[in-house]
N, C-alpha and C. Protein backbone atom coordinates (compact mmCIF):
# COMPACT_ATOMS: atom_id res chain seq x y z
N MET A 1 82.34 97.57 183.26
CA MET A 1 83.15 96.64 184.01
C MET A 1 84.62 96.91 183.71
N LEU A 2 85.42 96.93 184.76
CA LEU A 2 86.86 97.13 184.60
C LEU A 2 87.56 95.81 184.34
N VAL A 3 88.64 95.87 183.61
CA VAL A 3 89.45 94.69 183.35
C VAL A 3 90.44 94.53 184.50
N GLU A 4 90.51 93.35 185.08
CA GLU A 4 91.44 93.06 186.15
C GLU A 4 92.68 92.36 185.57
N PRO A 5 93.86 93.02 185.61
CA PRO A 5 95.06 92.37 185.09
C PRO A 5 95.49 91.22 185.98
N GLU A 6 95.91 90.14 185.38
CA GLU A 6 96.36 88.99 186.16
C GLU A 6 97.76 88.55 185.79
N PRO A 7 98.02 88.18 184.53
CA PRO A 7 99.39 87.74 184.22
C PRO A 7 100.35 88.93 184.17
N VAL A 8 101.57 88.70 184.58
CA VAL A 8 102.62 89.71 184.52
C VAL A 8 103.65 89.23 183.51
N ALA A 9 104.00 90.10 182.58
CA ALA A 9 104.98 89.74 181.55
C ALA A 9 106.24 90.58 181.73
N GLU A 10 107.38 89.98 181.46
CA GLU A 10 108.64 90.71 181.42
C GLU A 10 108.90 91.05 179.96
N ILE A 11 109.27 92.30 179.70
CA ILE A 11 109.53 92.74 178.34
C ILE A 11 110.92 93.32 178.26
N MET A 12 111.45 93.40 177.04
CA MET A 12 112.75 94.02 176.80
C MET A 12 112.53 95.25 175.92
N VAL A 13 113.09 96.38 176.36
CA VAL A 13 112.95 97.62 175.60
C VAL A 13 114.29 98.33 175.53
N ASP A 14 114.44 99.16 174.54
CA ASP A 14 115.59 100.02 174.41
C ASP A 14 115.11 101.44 174.68
N THR A 15 115.91 102.26 175.31
CA THR A 15 115.47 103.61 175.65
C THR A 15 115.63 104.60 174.50
N ALA A 16 116.13 104.15 173.36
CA ALA A 16 116.36 105.05 172.24
C ALA A 16 115.03 105.49 171.61
N LEU A 17 114.89 106.80 171.46
CA LEU A 17 113.71 107.36 170.80
C LEU A 17 114.11 108.01 169.49
N GLU A 18 113.21 107.96 168.54
CA GLU A 18 113.44 108.61 167.25
C GLU A 18 112.16 109.32 166.86
N ARG A 19 112.20 110.64 166.84
CA ARG A 19 111.01 111.46 166.54
C ARG A 19 109.83 111.13 167.45
N GLY A 20 110.10 110.92 168.74
CA GLY A 20 109.05 110.68 169.71
C GLY A 20 108.52 109.26 169.79
N ALA A 21 109.09 108.35 169.03
CA ALA A 21 108.65 106.95 169.04
C ALA A 21 109.84 106.06 169.38
N TRP A 22 109.56 104.89 169.94
CA TRP A 22 110.63 103.95 170.24
C TRP A 22 111.35 103.58 168.95
N ARG A 23 112.66 103.59 168.97
CA ARG A 23 113.44 103.25 167.78
C ARG A 23 113.35 101.75 167.47
N TYR A 24 113.31 100.93 168.52
CA TYR A 24 113.25 99.48 168.35
C TYR A 24 111.97 98.97 168.99
N PRO A 25 111.38 97.91 168.48
CA PRO A 25 110.13 97.41 169.04
C PRO A 25 110.32 96.80 170.44
N VAL A 26 109.25 96.83 171.21
CA VAL A 26 109.23 96.17 172.52
C VAL A 26 109.15 94.67 172.26
N ARG A 27 109.95 93.89 173.01
CA ARG A 27 109.97 92.44 172.80
C ARG A 27 109.52 91.72 174.06
N PHE A 28 108.67 90.73 173.90
CA PHE A 28 108.21 89.90 174.99
C PHE A 28 109.35 88.99 175.43
N ALA A 29 109.62 88.92 176.76
CA ALA A 29 110.67 88.05 177.27
C ALA A 29 110.08 86.78 177.85
N ARG A 30 109.18 86.93 178.83
CA ARG A 30 108.57 85.75 179.46
C ARG A 30 107.45 86.18 180.39
N LEU A 31 106.59 85.24 180.74
CA LEU A 31 105.59 85.47 181.77
C LEU A 31 106.27 85.32 183.13
N ARG A 32 105.90 86.16 184.08
CA ARG A 32 106.46 86.10 185.42
C ARG A 32 105.40 85.53 186.36
N LEU A 33 105.38 84.22 186.48
CA LEU A 33 104.41 83.54 187.33
C LEU A 33 104.73 83.74 188.80
N ASP A 34 105.95 84.20 189.11
CA ASP A 34 106.35 84.43 190.49
C ASP A 34 106.00 85.83 191.00
N VAL A 35 105.40 86.67 190.15
CA VAL A 35 105.05 88.04 190.52
C VAL A 35 103.55 88.25 190.33
N ALA A 36 102.91 88.84 191.32
CA ALA A 36 101.48 89.16 191.22
C ALA A 36 101.31 90.54 190.60
N ALA A 37 100.21 90.76 189.90
CA ALA A 37 99.95 92.05 189.27
C ALA A 37 99.92 93.17 190.31
N ALA A 38 99.46 92.88 191.52
CA ALA A 38 99.41 93.90 192.57
C ALA A 38 100.80 94.33 193.02
N ASP A 39 101.83 93.53 192.76
CA ASP A 39 103.20 93.85 193.17
C ASP A 39 103.91 94.75 192.17
N VAL A 40 103.33 94.96 191.01
CA VAL A 40 103.97 95.74 189.95
C VAL A 40 103.47 97.18 190.03
N PRO A 41 104.39 98.17 190.11
CA PRO A 41 103.95 99.56 190.16
C PRO A 41 103.34 99.98 188.82
N PRO A 42 102.45 100.98 188.83
CA PRO A 42 101.89 101.47 187.57
C PRO A 42 102.99 101.98 186.63
N PHE A 43 102.74 101.92 185.34
CA PHE A 43 103.72 102.35 184.35
C PHE A 43 104.18 103.78 184.64
N GLY A 44 105.48 103.97 184.73
CA GLY A 44 106.04 105.30 184.96
C GLY A 44 106.20 105.65 186.42
N ALA A 45 105.56 104.93 187.32
CA ALA A 45 105.68 105.23 188.75
C ALA A 45 107.06 104.80 189.23
N GLY A 46 107.76 105.70 189.84
CA GLY A 46 109.07 105.38 190.39
C GLY A 46 110.18 105.33 189.37
N ALA A 47 109.90 105.72 188.14
CA ALA A 47 110.95 105.70 187.10
C ALA A 47 111.99 106.76 187.41
N GLN A 48 113.24 106.41 187.21
CA GLN A 48 114.35 107.33 187.46
C GLN A 48 114.92 107.82 186.13
N PRO A 49 115.10 109.13 185.97
CA PRO A 49 115.70 109.62 184.72
C PRO A 49 117.14 109.14 184.59
N VAL A 50 117.56 108.91 183.36
CA VAL A 50 118.91 108.42 183.08
C VAL A 50 119.84 109.63 182.93
N GLY A 51 120.97 109.56 183.61
CA GLY A 51 122.01 110.59 183.46
C GLY A 51 121.65 111.96 184.01
N GLY A 52 120.63 112.07 184.86
CA GLY A 52 120.15 113.35 185.29
C GLY A 52 120.73 113.90 186.47
């Protein structure tokens, strides 16, 4: 059985990497009750490189 995602969370991250790992931890900001899981693109989809 597949898991169906339902709640959408907003998180805060820093783009700094150190030896291939995030330098600072990911922090939970809030639940987004106004956004459906189907409206959120898959992780990495549509990401734009910085400064490229």
